N, C-alpha and C. Protein backbone atom coordinates (compact mmCIF):
# COMPACT_ATOMS: atom_id res chain seq x y z
N UNK A 1 -9.16 15.60 8.50
CA UNK A 1 -8.95 15.71 9.83
C UNK A 1 -10.47 15.42 10.59
N UNK A 2 -10.39 14.56 11.58
CA UNK A 2 -11.49 14.33 12.39
C UNK A 2 -11.89 15.56 13.18
N UNK A 3 -13.17 15.74 13.56
CA UNK A 3 -13.57 16.75 14.26
C UNK A 3 -13.18 16.88 15.67
N UNK A 4 -12.90 15.65 16.26
CA UNK A 4 -12.31 15.57 17.67
C UNK A 4 -10.86 15.85 17.59
N UNK A 5 -10.12 15.44 16.76
CA UNK A 5 -8.73 15.98 16.48
C UNK A 5 -8.58 17.48 16.37
N UNK A 6 -9.56 18.06 15.42
CA UNK A 6 -9.47 19.56 15.28
C UNK A 6 -9.89 20.33 16.56
N UNK A 7 -10.82 19.91 17.05
CA UNK A 7 -11.08 20.53 18.38
C UNK A 7 -10.10 20.26 19.49
N UNK A 8 -9.35 19.25 19.52
CA UNK A 8 -8.40 19.34 20.50
C UNK A 8 -7.23 20.20 20.25
N UNK A 9 -7.06 20.15 18.88
CA UNK A 9 -5.78 21.30 18.33
C UNK A 9 -6.22 22.62 18.58
N UNK A 10 -7.47 22.90 18.30
CA UNK A 10 -8.06 24.23 18.72
C UNK A 10 -7.99 24.54 20.27
N UNK A 11 -8.39 23.53 20.86
CA UNK A 11 -8.07 23.78 22.50
C UNK A 11 -6.68 24.16 22.83
N UNK A 12 -5.85 23.42 22.16
CA UNK A 12 -4.39 23.58 22.41
C UNK A 12 -3.90 24.97 22.19
N UNK A 13 -4.26 25.36 20.75
CA UNK A 13 -3.94 26.57 20.35
C UNK A 13 -4.45 28.04 20.78
N UNK A 14 -5.71 27.70 21.44
CA UNK A 14 -6.44 28.87 21.95
C UNK A 14 -5.69 29.67 23.03
N UNK A 15 -4.97 29.11 23.90
CA UNK A 15 -4.29 29.81 25.07
C UNK A 15 -3.13 30.39 24.29
N UNK A 16 -2.54 30.01 23.16
CA UNK A 16 -1.24 30.47 22.69
C UNK A 16 -1.60 31.46 21.58
N UNK A 17 -2.82 31.46 20.89
CA UNK A 17 -3.09 32.32 19.84
C UNK A 17 -3.62 33.68 20.47
N UNK A 18 -4.29 33.66 21.69
CA UNK A 18 -4.84 34.65 22.41
C UNK A 18 -6.04 35.20 21.84
N UNK A 19 -6.44 34.82 20.66
CA UNK A 19 -7.56 35.15 20.06
C UNK A 19 -8.32 34.00 19.37
N UNK A 20 -9.44 33.91 19.47
CA UNK A 20 -10.32 32.71 19.10
C UNK A 20 -10.20 32.74 17.52
N UNK A 21 -10.34 33.83 16.91
CA UNK A 21 -10.24 33.69 15.32
C UNK A 21 -8.76 33.35 14.80
N UNK A 22 -7.80 33.62 15.71
CA UNK A 22 -6.40 33.18 15.08
C UNK A 22 -6.19 31.76 15.38
N UNK A 23 -6.76 31.16 16.50
CA UNK A 23 -6.73 29.67 16.76
C UNK A 23 -7.42 28.92 15.80
N UNK A 24 -8.77 29.46 15.52
CA UNK A 24 -9.52 28.82 14.27
C UNK A 24 -8.89 28.68 13.03
N UNK A 25 -8.15 29.89 12.80
CA UNK A 25 -7.53 30.08 11.39
C UNK A 25 -6.32 29.23 11.17
N UNK A 26 -5.75 29.11 12.34
CA UNK A 26 -4.45 28.14 12.40
C UNK A 26 -5.03 26.68 12.32
N UNK A 27 -5.76 26.30 13.00
CA UNK A 27 -6.41 24.88 12.91
C UNK A 27 -6.95 24.68 11.34
N UNK A 28 -7.68 25.57 10.55
CA UNK A 28 -8.15 25.25 9.57
C UNK A 28 -6.80 25.30 8.42
N UNK A 29 -5.81 25.99 8.77
CA UNK A 29 -4.76 25.96 7.83
C UNK A 29 -4.21 24.55 7.89
N UNK A 30 -4.06 24.12 9.14
CA UNK A 30 -3.42 22.72 9.39
C UNK A 30 -4.28 21.60 8.71
N UNK A 31 -5.60 21.83 8.78
CA UNK A 31 -6.40 20.93 8.16
C UNK A 31 -6.29 20.89 6.67
N UNK A 32 -6.13 21.97 6.12
CA UNK A 32 -5.87 22.18 4.57
C UNK A 32 -4.53 21.34 4.20
N UNK A 33 -3.56 21.76 5.01
CA UNK A 33 -2.24 20.99 4.72
C UNK A 33 -2.29 19.52 4.67
N UNK A 34 -2.97 19.03 5.78
CA UNK A 34 -3.01 17.59 5.97
C UNK A 34 -3.85 17.09 4.86
N UNK A 35 -4.98 17.70 4.59
CA UNK A 35 -5.72 17.14 3.47
C UNK A 35 -5.06 17.06 2.05
N UNK A 36 -4.35 18.17 1.78
CA UNK A 36 -3.58 18.38 0.50
C UNK A 36 -2.51 17.43 0.44
N UNK A 37 -1.66 16.89 1.66
CA UNK A 37 -0.75 15.94 1.66
C UNK A 37 -1.38 14.76 1.36
N UNK A 38 -2.39 14.48 2.01
CA UNK A 38 -3.16 13.12 1.92
C UNK A 38 -3.52 12.81 0.49
N UNK A 39 -4.26 13.88 -0.17
CA UNK A 39 -4.70 13.74 -1.49
C UNK A 39 -3.32 13.39 -2.43
N UNK A 40 -2.28 14.22 -2.28
CA UNK A 40 -1.13 13.88 -2.98
C UNK A 40 -0.54 12.51 -2.89
N UNK A 41 -0.58 12.05 -1.69
CA UNK A 41 -0.12 10.59 -1.70
C UNK A 41 -1.12 9.52 -1.73
N UNK A 42 -2.30 9.84 -1.93
CA UNK A 42 -3.57 8.79 -2.04
C UNK A 42 -3.38 7.78 -2.96
N UNK A 43 -2.83 8.22 -4.04
CA UNK A 43 -2.67 7.25 -5.29
C UNK A 43 -1.42 6.30 -4.76
N UNK A 44 -0.68 6.51 -4.15
CA UNK A 44 0.29 5.65 -3.89
C UNK A 44 0.09 4.60 -2.80
N UNK A 45 -0.97 4.95 -2.06
CA UNK A 45 -1.35 3.96 -0.89
C UNK A 45 -2.17 2.80 -1.71
N UNK A 46 -1.98 1.65 -0.99
CA UNK A 46 -2.61 0.27 -1.59
C UNK A 46 -3.91 0.05 -0.88
N UNK A 47 -4.99 -0.41 -1.46
CA UNK A 47 -6.16 -0.69 -0.66
C UNK A 47 -6.00 -2.28 -0.55
N UNK A 48 -7.08 -2.92 0.26
CA UNK A 48 -7.31 -4.09 0.41
C UNK A 48 -7.29 -5.06 -0.75
N UNK A 49 -8.19 -4.39 -1.75
CA UNK A 49 -8.37 -5.03 -3.14
C UNK A 49 -7.24 -4.98 -3.93
N UNK A 50 -6.41 -3.87 -3.77
CA UNK A 50 -4.96 -4.01 -4.52
C UNK A 50 -4.10 -5.20 -3.99
N UNK A 51 -4.16 -5.30 -2.66
CA UNK A 51 -3.35 -6.36 -2.06
C UNK A 51 -3.68 -7.68 -2.46
N UNK A 52 -5.18 -7.65 -2.52
CA UNK A 52 -5.79 -9.14 -2.95
C UNK A 52 -5.33 -9.42 -4.44
N UNK A 53 -5.42 -8.33 -5.23
CA UNK A 53 -5.08 -8.69 -6.49
C UNK A 53 -3.87 -9.18 -6.95
N UNK A 54 -2.83 -8.53 -5.93
CA UNK A 54 -1.32 -8.69 -6.15
C UNK A 54 -1.07 -10.07 -5.76
N UNK A 55 -1.67 -10.62 -4.45
CA UNK A 55 -1.56 -11.89 -4.10
C UNK A 55 -2.12 -12.93 -5.17
N UNK A 56 -3.19 -12.57 -5.82
CA UNK A 56 -3.67 -13.56 -6.59
C UNK A 56 -2.75 -13.52 -7.94
N UNK A 57 -2.01 -12.51 -8.25
CA UNK A 57 -1.23 -12.53 -9.44
C UNK A 57 0.12 -13.39 -8.93
N UNK A 58 0.62 -13.32 -7.76
CA UNK A 58 1.73 -13.99 -7.42
C UNK A 58 1.56 -15.55 -7.37
N UNK A 59 0.17 -15.73 -6.78
CA UNK A 59 -0.06 -17.11 -6.82
C UNK A 59 -0.10 -17.85 -8.09
N UNK A 60 -0.67 -17.17 -9.16
CA UNK A 60 -0.65 -17.63 -10.48
C UNK A 60 0.70 -17.76 -11.08
N UNK A 61 1.38 -16.77 -10.77
CA UNK A 61 2.85 -16.91 -11.23
C UNK A 61 3.61 -18.16 -10.69
N UNK A 62 3.26 -18.29 -9.46
CA UNK A 62 3.87 -19.48 -8.72
C UNK A 62 3.63 -20.71 -9.24
N UNK A 63 2.39 -20.68 -9.53
CA UNK A 63 1.76 -22.07 -10.32
C UNK A 63 2.38 -22.29 -11.51
N UNK A 64 2.64 -21.25 -12.38
CA UNK A 64 3.28 -21.39 -13.75
C UNK A 64 4.66 -21.62 -13.60
N UNK A 65 5.51 -21.22 -12.65
CA UNK A 65 6.85 -21.55 -12.45
C UNK A 65 6.85 -23.12 -12.04
N UNK A 66 6.03 -23.47 -11.17
CA UNK A 66 5.98 -24.89 -10.69
C UNK A 66 6.02 -26.06 -12.00
N UNK A 67 4.93 -25.60 -12.75
CA UNK A 67 4.59 -26.19 -13.98
C UNK A 67 5.69 -26.35 -14.80
N UNK A 68 6.48 -25.18 -15.15
CA UNK A 68 7.75 -25.34 -15.94
C UNK A 68 8.76 -26.03 -15.29
N UNK A 69 9.00 -26.01 -14.04
CA UNK A 69 10.09 -26.77 -13.28
C UNK A 69 9.69 -28.34 -13.48
N UNK A 70 8.49 -28.70 -13.25
CA UNK A 70 8.21 -30.12 -13.51
C UNK A 70 8.17 -30.66 -14.86
N UNK A 71 8.03 -29.76 -16.01
CA UNK A 71 8.36 -30.11 -17.50
C UNK A 71 9.70 -30.30 -17.64
N UNK A 72 10.33 -29.24 -17.08
CA UNK A 72 11.90 -29.25 -17.45
C UNK A 72 12.65 -30.43 -16.70
N UNK A 73 12.14 -30.67 -15.38
CA UNK A 73 12.65 -31.98 -14.87
C UNK A 73 12.31 -33.17 -15.63
N UNK A 74 11.00 -33.36 -16.10
CA UNK A 74 10.70 -34.57 -16.77
C UNK A 74 11.57 -34.77 -18.20
N UNK A 75 11.92 -33.53 -18.82
CA UNK A 75 12.59 -33.47 -20.13
C UNK A 75 13.94 -33.96 -19.73
N UNK A 76 14.61 -33.46 -18.53
CA UNK A 76 16.02 -33.64 -18.34
C UNK A 76 16.05 -35.17 -18.01
N UNK A 77 14.87 -35.77 -17.29
CA UNK A 77 14.87 -37.15 -16.94
C UNK A 77 14.92 -38.05 -18.15
N UNK A 78 14.13 -37.63 -19.31
CA UNK A 78 14.18 -38.49 -20.45
C UNK A 78 15.28 -38.29 -21.02
N UNK A 79 16.06 -37.27 -21.10
CA UNK A 79 17.45 -36.97 -21.72
C UNK A 79 18.25 -37.94 -21.07
N UNK A 80 18.37 -38.11 -19.73
CA UNK A 80 19.39 -38.99 -19.25
C UNK A 80 19.03 -40.39 -19.47
N UNK A 81 17.80 -40.58 -19.55
CA UNK A 81 17.36 -42.09 -19.72
C UNK A 81 17.77 -42.54 -21.20
N UNK A 82 17.53 -41.50 -21.98
CA UNK A 82 18.00 -41.55 -23.59
C UNK A 82 19.36 -42.07 -23.61
N UNK A 83 20.09 -41.06 -22.70
CA UNK A 83 21.70 -41.25 -23.02
C UNK A 83 22.06 -42.73 -22.33
N UNK A 84 21.37 -43.08 -21.39
CA UNK A 84 21.65 -44.37 -20.60
C UNK A 84 21.55 -45.54 -21.52
N UNK A 85 20.31 -45.49 -22.43
CA UNK A 85 19.94 -46.69 -23.29
C UNK A 85 20.82 -46.45 -24.62
N UNK A 86 21.44 -45.51 -24.98
CA UNK A 86 22.08 -45.33 -26.28
C UNK A 86 23.32 -46.36 -26.46
């Protein structure tokens, strides 16, 4: 958690906790919880590099699909022409 957020949270909790040590302890506990949850979910998050790699894979797959469609269309056209001249 950023220092400014921690400080604001501390300022909010200080009047409620009535003791400076309790407020500080609560803020530290919240920071630990947030850090542990972030660390647990960090592997599921995607980075810009991951997204760029995924886009490259999609583009490559799209090109391959277009190639196959063109080849299949050409073969179909040749079969129709072959049937026409039979």
